[in-house]
């Protein structure tokens, strides 16, 4: 992985932890790895050129299917936009 991709991967991981946080646990450092299993999926979509809609759909799917929550499409779109912006 290139240095640029390593940096992007870490930024996406941080965005998922600090900003996305659908469970609301980002103030508990002991569970810092809570969303790290989703980072590779979102990173892969991002480097493959997925747009905001596709990334938001994946985040929403994780919230609703994987986690069993109601989900928040608007919030997922905001997070997807942050990820796209981080890619540059």
C-alpha atoms as a PDB file:
ATOM      1  CA  UNK A   1       0.000   0.000   0.000  1.00  0.00           C
ATOM      2  CA  UNK A   2       1.372   3.417  -0.909  1.00  0.00           C
ATOM      3  CA  UNK A   3       1.946   6.090   1.738  1.00  0.00           C
ATOM      4  CA  UNK A   4      -0.971   8.067   0.262  1.00  0.00           C
ATOM      5  CA  UNK A   5      -3.297   5.061   0.593  1.00  0.00           C
ATOM      6  CA  UNK A   6      -2.057   4.335   4.111  1.00  0.00           C
ATOM      7  CA  UNK A   7      -2.885   7.905   5.090  1.00  0.00           C
ATOM      8  CA  UNK A   8      -6.327   7.714   3.449  1.00  0.00           C
ATOM      9  CA  UNK A   9      -7.038   4.393   5.188  1.00  0.00           C
ATOM     10  CA  UNK A  10      -6.231   5.954   8.569  1.00  0.00           C
ATOM     11  CA  UNK A  11      -8.339   9.022   7.809  1.00  0.00           C
ATOM     12  CA  UNK A  12     -11.325   6.851   6.855  1.00  0.00           C
ATOM     13  CA  UNK A  13     -10.879   4.843  10.049  1.00  0.00           C
ATOM     14  CA  UNK A  14     -10.908   8.098  12.053  1.00  0.00           C
ATOM     15  CA  UNK A  15     -13.981   9.410  10.222  1.00  0.00           C
ATOM     16  CA  UNK A  16     -15.878   6.205  10.956  1.00  0.00           C
ATOM     17  CA  UNK A  17     -14.871   6.365  14.628  1.00  0.00           C
ATOM     18  CA  UNK A  18     -15.268  10.074  15.350  1.00  0.00           C
ATOM     19  CA  UNK A  19     -17.973  11.176  12.912  1.00  0.00           C
ATOM     20  CA  UNK A  20     -20.037   8.197  11.788  1.00  0.00           C
ATOM     21  CA  UNK A  21     -20.280   6.334  15.129  1.00  0.00           C
ATOM     22  CA  UNK A  22     -23.803   4.876  14.721  1.00  0.00           C
ATOM     23  CA  UNK A  23     -23.616   3.091  18.074  1.00  0.00           C
ATOM     24  CA  UNK A  24     -22.501   6.200  19.939  1.00  0.00           C
ATOM     25  CA  UNK A  25     -19.435   4.724  21.605  1.00  0.00           C
ATOM     26  CA  UNK A  26     -16.621   6.949  20.377  1.00  0.00           C
ATOM     27  CA  UNK A  27     -16.087   8.359  23.849  1.00  0.00           C
ATOM     28  CA  UNK A  28     -15.051   4.919  25.150  1.00  0.00           C
ATOM     29  CA  UNK A  29     -11.434   4.333  24.118  1.00  0.00           C
ATOM     30  CA  UNK A  30     -11.603   0.635  25.126  1.00  0.00           C
ATOM     31  CA  UNK A  31     -13.833  -0.050  22.110  1.00  0.00           C
ATOM     32  CA  UNK A  32     -11.763   1.987  19.631  1.00  0.00           C
ATOM     33  CA  UNK A  33     -11.755  -0.968  17.232  1.00  0.00           C
ATOM     34  CA  UNK A  34     -15.582  -1.118  17.058  1.00  0.00           C
ATOM     35  CA  UNK A  35     -15.813   0.066  13.433  1.00  0.00           C
ATOM     36  CA  UNK A  36     -12.435  -1.062  12.149  1.00  0.00           C
ATOM     37  CA  UNK A  37     -13.886  -4.129  10.478  1.00  0.00           C
ATOM     38  CA  UNK A  38     -15.805  -1.776   8.160  1.00  0.00           C
ATOM     39  CA  UNK A  39     -12.816   0.380   7.235  1.00  0.00           C
ATOM     40  CA  UNK A  40     -11.524  -1.964   4.491  1.00  0.00           C
ATOM     41  CA  UNK A  41     -14.919  -1.968   2.728  1.00  0.00           C
ATOM     42  CA  UNK A  42     -15.231   1.793   2.757  1.00  0.00           C
ATOM     43  CA  UNK A  43     -11.573   2.275   1.824  1.00  0.00           C
ATOM     44  CA  UNK A  44     -11.948  -0.114  -1.106  1.00  0.00           C
ATOM     45  CA  UNK A  45     -15.031   1.690  -2.389  1.00  0.00           C
ATOM     46  CA  UNK A  46     -13.248   5.013  -2.038  1.00  0.00           C
ATOM     47  CA  UNK A  47     -10.105   4.080  -3.941  1.00  0.00           C
ATOM     48  CA  UNK A  48     -12.217   2.424  -6.645  1.00  0.00           C
ATOM     49  CA  UNK A  49     -13.795   5.824  -7.267  1.00  0.00           C
ATOM     50  CA  UNK A  50     -17.198   5.257  -5.681  1.00  0.00           C
ATOM     51  CA  UNK A  51     -19.239   8.417  -5.391  1.00  0.00           C
ATOM     52  CA  UNK A  52     -20.904   9.852  -2.305  1.00  0.00           C
ATOM     53  CA  UNK A  53     -24.134   7.980  -2.985  1.00  0.00           C
ATOM     54  CA  UNK A  54     -22.478   4.570  -3.223  1.00  0.00           C
ATOM     55  CA  UNK A  55     -20.405   5.094  -0.078  1.00  0.00           C
ATOM     56  CA  UNK A  56     -23.445   6.409   1.807  1.00  0.00           C
ATOM     57  CA  UNK A  57     -25.464   3.383   0.690  1.00  0.00           C
ATOM     58  CA  UNK A  58     -22.789   1.048   2.064  1.00  0.00           C
ATOM     59  CA  UNK A  59     -22.665   2.903   5.385  1.00  0.00           C
ATOM     60  CA  UNK A  60     -26.455   2.789   5.596  1.00  0.00           C
ATOM     61  CA  UNK A  61     -26.440  -0.931   4.785  1.00  0.00           C
ATOM     62  CA  UNK A  62     -23.938  -1.522   7.583  1.00  0.00           C
ATOM     63  CA  UNK A  63     -26.150   0.423  10.004  1.00  0.00           C
ATOM     64  CA  UNK A  64     -29.377  -1.328   9.029  1.00  0.00           C
ATOM     65  CA  UNK A  65     -28.364  -4.836   7.976  1.00  0.00           C
ATOM     66  CA  UNK A  66     -25.159  -5.549   9.887  1.00  0.00           C
ATOM     67  CA  UNK A  67     -26.015  -3.634  13.047  1.00  0.00           C
ATOM     68  CA  UNK A  68     -29.799  -3.914  12.917  1.00  0.00           C
ATOM     69  CA  UNK A  69     -30.457  -0.219  13.508  1.00  0.00           C
ATOM     70  CA  UNK A  70     -32.979   2.036  11.824  1.00  0.00           C
ATOM     71  CA  UNK A  71     -30.151   3.926  10.127  1.00  0.00           C
ATOM     72  CA  UNK A  72     -29.776   7.546   9.148  1.00  0.00           C
ATOM     73  CA  UNK A  73     -29.396   8.141   5.407  1.00  0.00           C
ATOM     74  CA  UNK A  74     -28.678  11.860   5.752  1.00  0.00           C
ATOM     75  CA  UNK A  75     -25.916  11.241   8.266  1.00  0.00           C
ATOM     76  CA  UNK A  76     -24.436   8.536   6.043  1.00  0.00           C
ATOM     77  CA  UNK A  77     -24.382  10.999   3.144  1.00  0.00           C
ATOM     78  CA  UNK A  78     -22.574  13.565   5.307  1.00  0.00           C
ATOM     79  CA  UNK A  79     -19.984  10.980   6.303  1.00  0.00           C
ATOM     80  CA  UNK A  80     -19.587   9.833   2.690  1.00  0.00           C
ATOM     81  CA  UNK A  81     -18.932  13.441   1.680  1.00  0.00           C
ATOM     82  CA  UNK A  82     -16.194  13.722   4.330  1.00  0.00           C
ATOM     83  CA  UNK A  83     -14.612  10.536   2.999  1.00  0.00           C
ATOM     84  CA  UNK A  84     -14.722  11.775  -0.596  1.00  0.00           C
ATOM     85  CA  UNK A  85     -13.187  15.089   0.522  1.00  0.00           C
ATOM     86  CA  UNK A  86     -10.412  13.235   2.368  1.00  0.00           C
ATOM     87  CA  UNK A  87      -9.534  11.414  -0.829  1.00  0.00           C
ATOM     88  CA  UNK A  88      -8.902  14.772  -2.479  1.00  0.00           C
END
